Amino acid sequence: MSYLLGEYKCRLDSKGRFVLPAGIKRQLSAKDRENFVVNRGFEKNLTLYPDSEWKQITNEINSLNLYNKKNREFARYFFRGATELTTDSSNRLLLPKSLIDYADIEKEIVLFAYGQRIEIWAKNVYEEMMGSEPDDFASLAEDVMDKSKTNKGHDTLS
């Protein structure tokens, strides 16, 4: 599977459907263009996964030790609301009402594609979140991306 990229503004119709943008569809393999799974995101958003990516994530979560309470709690919250979606003949996806309510979505949404997922945000929530950039993005990048920090304490002898 290829990595997804881009921001797309869409509108929901009265039934909660939106057209999957051609820009996203072009990035998906032929087998991933029709079947998806949507669930609650980690913030107040939804996450749309192509079916092949969802299967990999499901396998990863199912490999957790479910005798561990934290693992069970994580699995429950992660899978809560997860719903299979299939594009219709007009290339639309129907979002479940419960997930629309969870993400405070009204009519306008933003699809934010990155990695192997597509976040679905209420447009106003997305714009507010992205409008409050960190004061020092360079410092945030250093904290997140500094790979040398992950190697601390693992020095090898020369």
C-alpha atoms as a PDB file:
ATOM      1  CA  MET A   1       0.000   0.000   0.000  1.00  0.00           C
ATOM      2  CA  SER A   2       1.170   3.476  -0.757  1.00  0.00           C
ATOM      3  CA  TYR A   3       1.220   6.357   1.669  1.00  0.00           C
ATOM      4  CA  LEU A   4      -1.670   8.783   1.510  1.00  0.00           C
ATOM      5  CA  LEU A   5      -1.246  12.530   1.412  1.00  0.00           C
ATOM      6  CA  GLY A   6      -3.402  15.621   1.204  1.00  0.00           C
ATOM      7  CA  GLU A   7      -6.189  17.773   2.634  1.00  0.00           C
ATOM      8  CA  TYR A   8      -9.610  17.660   1.025  1.00  0.00           C
ATOM      9  CA  LYS A   9     -12.706  19.673   1.880  1.00  0.00           C
ATOM     10  CA  CYS A  10     -15.984  17.830   1.415  1.00  0.00           C
ATOM     11  CA  ARG A  11     -19.647  18.215   2.273  1.00  0.00           C
ATOM     12  CA  LEU A  12     -21.983  15.654   3.765  1.00  0.00           C
ATOM     13  CA  ASP A  13     -25.368  15.256   2.142  1.00  0.00           C
ATOM     14  CA  SER A  14     -28.559  15.004   4.197  1.00  0.00           C
ATOM     15  CA  LYS A  15     -27.973  11.263   4.747  1.00  0.00           C
ATOM     16  CA  GLY A  16     -24.396  11.668   6.012  1.00  0.00           C
ATOM     17  CA  ARG A  17     -22.642  10.666   2.773  1.00  0.00           C
ATOM     18  CA  PHE A  18     -19.607  12.257   1.155  1.00  0.00           C
ATOM     19  CA  VAL A  19     -17.844  11.664  -2.134  1.00  0.00           C
ATOM     20  CA  LEU A  20     -14.404  10.118  -1.808  1.00  0.00           C
ATOM     21  CA  PRO A  21     -12.172  12.690  -3.539  1.00  0.00           C
ATOM     22  CA  ALA A  22     -10.471  11.632  -6.759  1.00  0.00           C
ATOM     23  CA  GLY A  23      -7.146  12.786  -5.272  1.00  0.00           C
ATOM     24  CA  ILE A  24      -7.420  10.174  -2.524  1.00  0.00           C
ATOM     25  CA  LYS A  25      -8.829   7.494  -4.791  1.00  0.00           C
ATOM     26  CA  ARG A  26      -5.835   7.850  -7.150  1.00  0.00           C
ATOM     27  CA  GLN A  27      -3.478   7.160  -4.246  1.00  0.00           C
ATOM     28  CA  LEU A  28      -5.208   3.923  -3.267  1.00  0.00           C
ATOM     29  CA  SER A  29      -4.544   0.533  -4.793  1.00  0.00           C
ATOM     30  CA  ALA A  30      -7.413  -0.921  -6.829  1.00  0.00           C
ATOM     31  CA  LYS A  31      -8.355  -3.282  -3.981  1.00  0.00           C
ATOM     32  CA  ASP A  32      -8.490  -0.431  -1.441  1.00  0.00           C
ATOM     33  CA  ARG A  33     -10.757   1.953  -3.360  1.00  0.00           C
ATOM     34  CA  GLU A  34     -14.087   0.490  -2.265  1.00  0.00           C
ATOM     35  CA  ASN A  35     -13.853  -1.034   1.217  1.00  0.00           C
ATOM     36  CA  PHE A  36     -12.964   0.937   4.328  1.00  0.00           C
ATOM     37  CA  VAL A  37     -13.407   0.918   8.086  1.00  0.00           C
ATOM     38  CA  VAL A  38     -14.136   4.102  10.018  1.00  0.00           C
ATOM     39  CA  ASN A  39     -13.784   4.495  13.770  1.00  0.00           C
ATOM     40  CA  ARG A  40     -13.278   7.131  16.432  1.00  0.00           C
ATOM     41  CA  GLY A  41      -9.996   8.982  16.216  1.00  0.00           C
ATOM     42  CA  PHE A  42      -7.787   9.757  19.184  1.00  0.00           C
ATOM     43  CA  GLU A  43      -8.985  13.351  19.217  1.00  0.00           C
ATOM     44  CA  LYS A  44     -12.521  14.533  18.424  1.00  0.00           C
ATOM     45  CA  ASN A  45     -12.343  13.187  14.866  1.00  0.00           C
ATOM     46  CA  LEU A  46     -12.895  10.012  12.881  1.00  0.00           C
ATOM     47  CA  THR A  47     -10.290   7.852  11.199  1.00  0.00           C
ATOM     48  CA  LEU A  48     -10.933   6.126   7.897  1.00  0.00           C
ATOM     49  CA  TYR A  49      -8.753   3.140   7.057  1.00  0.00           C
ATOM     50  CA  PRO A  50      -8.539   1.287   3.758  1.00  0.00           C
ATOM     51  CA  ASP A  51      -9.598  -2.293   4.459  1.00  0.00           C
ATOM     52  CA  SER A  52      -6.076  -3.727   4.019  1.00  0.00           C
ATOM     53  CA  GLU A  53      -4.658  -1.285   6.600  1.00  0.00           C
ATOM     54  CA  TRP A  54      -7.516  -2.028   9.010  1.00  0.00           C
ATOM     55  CA  LYS A  55      -6.726  -5.750   8.814  1.00  0.00           C
ATOM     56  CA  GLN A  56      -3.092  -5.088   9.725  1.00  0.00           C
ATOM     57  CA  ILE A  57      -4.074  -2.902  12.683  1.00  0.00           C
ATOM     58  CA  THR A  58      -6.639  -5.461  13.834  1.00  0.00           C
ATOM     59  CA  ASN A  59      -4.003  -8.203  13.722  1.00  0.00           C
ATOM     60  CA  GLU A  60      -1.644  -6.031  15.760  1.00  0.00           C
ATOM     61  CA  ILE A  61      -4.273  -5.310  18.412  1.00  0.00           C
ATOM     62  CA  ASN A  62      -5.432  -8.928  18.504  1.00  0.00           C
ATOM     63  CA  SER A  63      -1.848  -9.973  19.230  1.00  0.00           C
ATOM     64  CA  LEU A  64      -1.874  -7.964  22.475  1.00  0.00           C
ATOM     65  CA  ASN A  65      -2.108  -9.853  25.736  1.00  0.00           C
ATOM     66  CA  LEU A  66      -5.810  -9.417  26.495  1.00  0.00           C
ATOM     67  CA  TYR A  67      -5.271 -10.719  30.036  1.00  0.00           C
ATOM     68  CA  ASN A  68      -3.720  -7.305  30.675  1.00  0.00           C
ATOM     69  CA  LYS A  69      -6.382  -4.781  31.744  1.00  0.00           C
ATOM     70  CA  LYS A  70      -4.825  -1.803  29.905  1.00  0.00           C
ATOM     71  CA  ASN A  71      -4.676  -3.811  26.691  1.00  0.00           C
ATOM     72  CA  ARG A  72      -8.360  -4.774  27.003  1.00  0.00           C
ATOM     73  CA  GLU A  73      -9.349  -1.171  27.702  1.00  0.00           C
ATOM     74  CA  PHE A  74      -7.371   0.048  24.715  1.00  0.00           C
ATOM     75  CA  ALA A  75      -8.940  -2.570  22.419  1.00  0.00           C
ATOM     76  CA  ARG A  76     -12.449  -1.671  23.583  1.00  0.00           C
ATOM     77  CA  TYR A  77     -11.985   2.046  23.043  1.00  0.00           C
ATOM     78  CA  PHE A  78     -10.145   1.594  19.769  1.00  0.00           C
ATOM     79  CA  PHE A  79     -12.793  -0.669  18.253  1.00  0.00           C
ATOM     80  CA  ARG A  80     -15.723   1.308  19.705  1.00  0.00           C
ATOM     81  CA  GLY A  81     -17.882   2.509  16.840  1.00  0.00           C
ATOM     82  CA  ALA A  82     -15.754   0.817  14.163  1.00  0.00           C
ATOM     83  CA  THR A  83     -17.907   0.360  11.082  1.00  0.00           C
ATOM     84  CA  GLU A  84     -17.261  -1.176   7.684  1.00  0.00           C
ATOM     85  CA  LEU A  85     -17.999   1.158   4.781  1.00  0.00           C
ATOM     86  CA  THR A  86     -18.283   0.448   1.065  1.00  0.00           C
ATOM     87  CA  THR A  87     -18.401   3.078  -1.647  1.00  0.00           C
ATOM     88  CA  ASP A  88     -21.697   3.205  -3.513  1.00  0.00           C
ATOM     89  CA  SER A  89     -22.140   3.543  -7.289  1.00  0.00           C
ATOM     90  CA  SER A  90     -21.581   7.313  -6.970  1.00  0.00           C
ATOM     91  CA  ASN A  91     -18.288   6.819  -5.056  1.00  0.00           C
ATOM     92  CA  ARG A  92     -19.844   7.989  -1.772  1.00  0.00           C
ATOM     93  CA  LEU A  93     -19.263   6.735   1.750  1.00  0.00           C
ATOM     94  CA  LEU A  94     -21.997   6.852   4.397  1.00  0.00           C
ATOM     95  CA  LEU A  95     -20.829   7.855   7.872  1.00  0.00           C
ATOM     96  CA  PRO A  96     -22.785   6.352  10.778  1.00  0.00           C
ATOM     97  CA  LYS A  97     -24.862   8.887  12.713  1.00  0.00           C
ATOM     98  CA  SER A  98     -23.231   7.906  16.028  1.00  0.00           C
ATOM     99  CA  LEU A  99     -19.777   8.727  14.651  1.00  0.00           C
ATOM    100  CA  ILE A 100     -20.972  11.973  13.071  1.00  0.00           C
ATOM    101  CA  ASP A 101     -22.263  12.982  16.499  1.00  0.00           C
ATOM    102  CA  TYR A 102     -19.042  11.910  18.241  1.00  0.00           C
ATOM    103  CA  ALA A 103     -16.919  14.133  15.963  1.00  0.00           C
ATOM    104  CA  ASP A 104     -19.374  17.081  16.084  1.00  0.00           C
ATOM    105  CA  ILE A 105     -19.648  16.958  12.301  1.00  0.00           C
ATOM    106  CA  GLU A 106     -22.344  19.024  10.647  1.00  0.00           C
ATOM    107  CA  LYS A 107     -22.111  19.538   6.888  1.00  0.00           C
ATOM    108  CA  GLU A 108     -18.533  20.472   6.074  1.00  0.00           C
ATOM    109  CA  ILE A 109     -15.637  18.104   6.703  1.00  0.00           C
ATOM    110  CA  VAL A 110     -11.928  17.994   6.042  1.00  0.00           C
ATOM    111  CA  LEU A 111     -10.267  14.752   5.041  1.00  0.00           C
ATOM    112  CA  PHE A 112      -6.652  14.832   6.187  1.00  0.00           C
ATOM    113  CA  ALA A 113      -4.747  11.962   4.573  1.00  0.00           C
ATOM    114  CA  TYR A 114      -1.353  10.931   5.888  1.00  0.00           C
ATOM    115  CA  GLY A 115       0.449   7.647   6.229  1.00  0.00           C
ATOM    116  CA  GLN A 116      -2.077   4.899   5.671  1.00  0.00           C
ATOM    117  CA  ARG A 117      -5.124   6.607   7.152  1.00  0.00           C
ATOM    118  CA  ILE A 118      -7.503   9.446   6.520  1.00  0.00           C
ATOM    119  CA  GLU A 119      -8.674  11.579   9.411  1.00  0.00           C
ATOM    120  CA  ILE A 120     -12.157  13.038   9.088  1.00  0.00           C
ATOM    121  CA  TRP A 121     -12.674  16.324  10.922  1.00  0.00           C
ATOM    122  CA  ALA A 122     -15.518  18.755  11.296  1.00  0.00           C
ATOM    123  CA  LYS A 123     -14.214  21.660   9.195  1.00  0.00           C
ATOM    124  CA  ASN A 124     -14.475  24.224  12.000  1.00  0.00           C
ATOM    125  CA  VAL A 125     -12.697  21.919  14.500  1.00  0.00           C
ATOM    126  CA  TYR A 126      -9.918  21.178  12.019  1.00  0.00           C
ATOM    127  CA  GLU A 127      -9.371  24.839  11.174  1.00  0.00           C
ATOM    128  CA  GLU A 128      -9.277  25.777  14.852  1.00  0.00           C
ATOM    129  CA  MET A 129      -6.785  23.010  15.649  1.00  0.00           C
ATOM    130  CA  MET A 130      -4.515  23.767  12.695  1.00  0.00           C
ATOM    131  CA  GLY A 131      -4.805  27.507  13.305  1.00  0.00           C
ATOM    132  CA  SER A 132      -3.068  27.163  16.658  1.00  0.00           C
ATOM    133  CA  GLU A 133       0.385  26.164  15.455  1.00  0.00           C
ATOM    134  CA  PRO A 134       2.952  25.495  18.145  1.00  0.00           C
ATOM    135  CA  ASP A 135       5.028  28.518  19.094  1.00  0.00           C
ATOM    136  CA  ASP A 136       8.197  26.691  18.129  1.00  0.00           C
ATOM    137  CA  PHE A 137       7.515  24.084  15.446  1.00  0.00           C
ATOM    138  CA  ALA A 138      11.260  23.488  15.056  1.00  0.00           C
ATOM    139  CA  SER A 139      11.506  22.506  18.727  1.00  0.00           C
ATOM    140  CA  LEU A 140       8.516  20.172  18.406  1.00  0.00           C
ATOM    141  CA  ALA A 141      10.099  18.569  15.337  1.00  0.00           C
ATOM    142  CA  GLU A 142      13.330  18.078  17.248  1.00  0.00           C
ATOM    143  CA  ASP A 143      11.538  16.434  20.178  1.00  0.00           C
ATOM    144  CA  VAL A 144       9.524  14.120  17.958  1.00  0.00           C
ATOM    145  CA  MET A 145      12.029  13.337  15.228  1.00  0.00           C
ATOM    146  CA  ASP A 146      15.384  13.307  17.057  1.00  0.00           C
ATOM    147  CA  LYS A 147      16.339   9.683  16.566  1.00  0.00           C
ATOM    148  CA  SER A 148      19.517  10.064  18.618  1.00  0.00           C
ATOM    149  CA  LYS A 149      17.382  10.332  21.757  1.00  0.00           C
ATOM    150  CA  THR A 150      16.035   6.814  21.185  1.00  0.00           C
ATOM    151  CA  ASN A 151      19.590   5.461  21.172  1.00  0.00           C
ATOM    152  CA  LYS A 152      20.639   7.012  24.496  1.00  0.00           C
ATOM    153  CA  GLY A 153      21.941   4.428  26.882  1.00  0.00           C
ATOM    154  CA  HIS A 154      22.680   2.031  24.038  1.00  0.00           C
ATOM    155  CA  ASP A 155      26.210   3.172  23.287  1.00  0.00           C
ATOM    156  CA  THR A 156      28.452   0.616  21.695  1.00  0.00           C
ATOM    157  CA  LEU A 157      32.166   0.244  22.308  1.00  0.00           C
ATOM    158  CA  SER A 158      34.380   1.474  19.472  1.00  0.00           C
END
